Amino acid sequence: MNAYSVICAGVLALLQSVQASDLIRIALLCFMTLFAAIGFLTSLRLKGELEECLAKIEAMSVQARVNDFVALGQLEGRSSRYPRFRWIFPMFYAMTTAGFITLIVYRLVTGEAMR
């Protein structure tokens, strides 16, 4: 995600500073939208695999009667009020996908550069 954020910042800075044709700007925004959508789908897949693995570990620990000793994300006490972070990456990529789509629509509707 750090590399993705640096690439996004670089592309957005490039779009603002370079006097390029509208076709190149729209192509860069389309590429970034595709890049964000792939990140979104990948993060959803990884989240699903994580939940499947945790469910299988829980089933194995119950079957082996050691579930009291296995921590599977069910926090107890003060730290249980914190949100689960399994949705952080999908939400981040969904927001950036929506942001790039918004920039594309803005560019196509107004025909002006975002300044």
Protein backbone atom coordinates (compact mmCIF):
# COMPACT_ATOMS: atom_id res chain seq x y z
CA MET A 1 0.00 0.00 0.00
CA ASN A 2 2.92 2.35 0.62
CA ALA A 3 4.16 1.89 -2.94
CA TYR A 4 0.61 2.38 -4.23
CA SER A 5 0.28 5.63 -2.27
CA VAL A 6 3.59 6.95 -3.62
CA ILE A 7 2.58 6.05 -7.18
CA CYS A 8 -0.81 7.77 -6.75
CA ALA A 9 0.81 10.90 -5.34
CA GLY A 10 3.32 10.93 -8.19
CA VAL A 11 0.68 10.54 -10.88
CA LEU A 12 -1.52 13.25 -9.37
CA ALA A 13 1.47 15.61 -9.09
CA LEU A 14 2.43 14.79 -12.68
CA LEU A 15 -1.10 15.55 -13.88
CA GLN A 16 -0.97 18.97 -12.22
CA SER A 17 2.52 20.02 -13.26
CA VAL A 18 2.89 18.73 -16.83
CA GLN A 19 1.17 20.39 -19.75
CA ALA A 20 0.00 17.22 -21.46
CA SER A 21 -2.87 16.55 -23.81
CA ASP A 22 -6.27 15.65 -22.44
CA LEU A 23 -5.91 12.16 -23.92
CA ILE A 24 -2.76 11.51 -21.89
CA ARG A 25 -4.37 12.84 -18.72
CA ILE A 26 -7.48 10.70 -19.16
CA ALA A 27 -5.30 7.66 -19.99
CA LEU A 28 -3.29 8.17 -16.78
CA LEU A 29 -6.48 8.50 -14.75
CA CYS A 30 -7.90 5.36 -16.37
CA PHE A 31 -4.70 3.48 -15.56
CA MET A 32 -4.86 4.63 -11.93
CA THR A 33 -8.54 3.65 -11.74
CA LEU A 34 -7.70 0.18 -13.02
CA PHE A 35 -4.74 0.00 -10.62
CA ALA A 36 -7.02 0.95 -7.68
CA ALA A 37 -9.73 -1.51 -8.73
CA ILE A 38 -7.19 -4.35 -8.89
CA GLY A 39 -6.00 -3.37 -5.40
CA PHE A 40 -9.60 -3.38 -4.18
CA LEU A 41 -10.34 -6.84 -5.59
CA THR A 42 -7.05 -8.22 -4.28
CA SER A 43 -7.66 -6.87 -0.79
CA LEU A 44 -11.19 -8.34 -0.76
CA ARG A 45 -9.75 -11.71 -1.75
CA LEU A 46 -7.08 -11.55 0.97
CA LYS A 47 -9.68 -10.56 3.56
CA GLY A 48 -11.82 -13.54 2.56
CA GLU A 49 -8.87 -15.91 2.75
CA LEU A 50 -7.94 -14.55 6.18
CA GLU A 51 -11.45 -15.13 7.51
CA GLU A 52 -11.52 -18.65 6.04
CA CYS A 53 -8.17 -19.51 7.65
CA LEU A 54 -9.27 -18.11 11.01
CA ALA A 55 -12.47 -20.17 10.86
CA LYS A 56 -10.49 -23.34 10.10
CA ILE A 57 -8.03 -22.64 12.93
CA GLU A 58 -10.96 -22.07 15.29
CA ALA A 59 -12.58 -25.36 14.21
CA MET A 60 -9.30 -27.22 14.73
CA SER A 61 -8.75 -25.66 18.16
CA VAL A 62 -12.31 -26.55 19.24
CA GLN A 63 -11.85 -30.11 18.01
CA ALA A 64 -8.53 -30.39 19.87
CA ARG A 65 -10.11 -28.75 22.94
CA VAL A 66 -7.47 -26.02 23.09
CA ASN A 67 -9.66 -23.10 22.00
CA ASP A 68 -9.16 -21.36 25.37
CA PHE A 69 -5.47 -21.02 24.51
CA VAL A 70 -5.78 -19.84 20.89
CA ALA A 71 -6.24 -16.12 20.18
CA LEU A 72 -8.26 -15.66 17.01
CA GLY A 73 -9.14 -12.00 17.12
CA GLN A 74 -11.81 -12.15 19.81
CA LEU A 75 -10.41 -9.46 22.06
CA GLU A 76 -11.49 -9.22 25.65
CA GLY A 77 -11.44 -6.24 27.95
CA ARG A 78 -10.58 -2.66 27.01
CA SER A 79 -9.08 -3.43 23.62
CA SER A 80 -12.31 -5.10 22.40
CA ARG A 81 -13.85 -1.70 21.68
CA TYR A 82 -11.39 -1.01 18.85
CA PRO A 83 -12.60 -1.65 15.30
CA ARG A 84 -11.45 -4.63 13.31
CA PHE A 85 -8.98 -3.64 10.66
CA ARG A 86 -9.89 -6.28 8.11
CA TRP A 87 -11.82 -3.68 6.15
CA ILE A 88 -9.12 -0.98 6.13
CA PHE A 89 -7.45 -2.01 2.86
CA PRO A 90 -10.68 -2.70 0.92
CA MET A 91 -12.08 0.65 2.09
CA PHE A 92 -8.87 2.46 1.12
CA TYR A 93 -8.82 0.98 -2.37
CA ALA A 94 -12.56 1.55 -2.82
CA MET A 95 -12.15 5.21 -1.89
CA THR A 96 -9.23 5.70 -4.27
CA THR A 97 -11.10 3.92 -7.07
CA ALA A 98 -14.07 6.23 -6.50
CA GLY A 99 -11.75 9.23 -6.38
CA PHE A 100 -10.11 8.41 -9.70
CA ILE A 101 -13.49 7.73 -11.32
CA THR A 102 -14.65 11.12 -10.04
CA LEU A 103 -11.59 12.79 -11.57
CA ILE A 104 -12.24 11.09 -14.90
CA VAL A 105 -15.89 12.14 -14.91
CA TYR A 106 -14.93 15.69 -13.93
CA ARG A 107 -12.38 15.89 -16.74
CA LEU A 108 -14.85 14.53 -19.29
CA VAL A 109 -17.75 16.73 -18.19
CA THR A 110 -15.90 20.03 -17.81
CA GLY A 111 -12.96 19.50 -20.11
CA GLU A 112 -10.85 21.57 -17.70
CA ALA A 113 -7.79 20.64 -15.69
CA MET A 114 -8.24 20.23 -11.96
CA ARG A 115 -6.31 23.15 -10.51
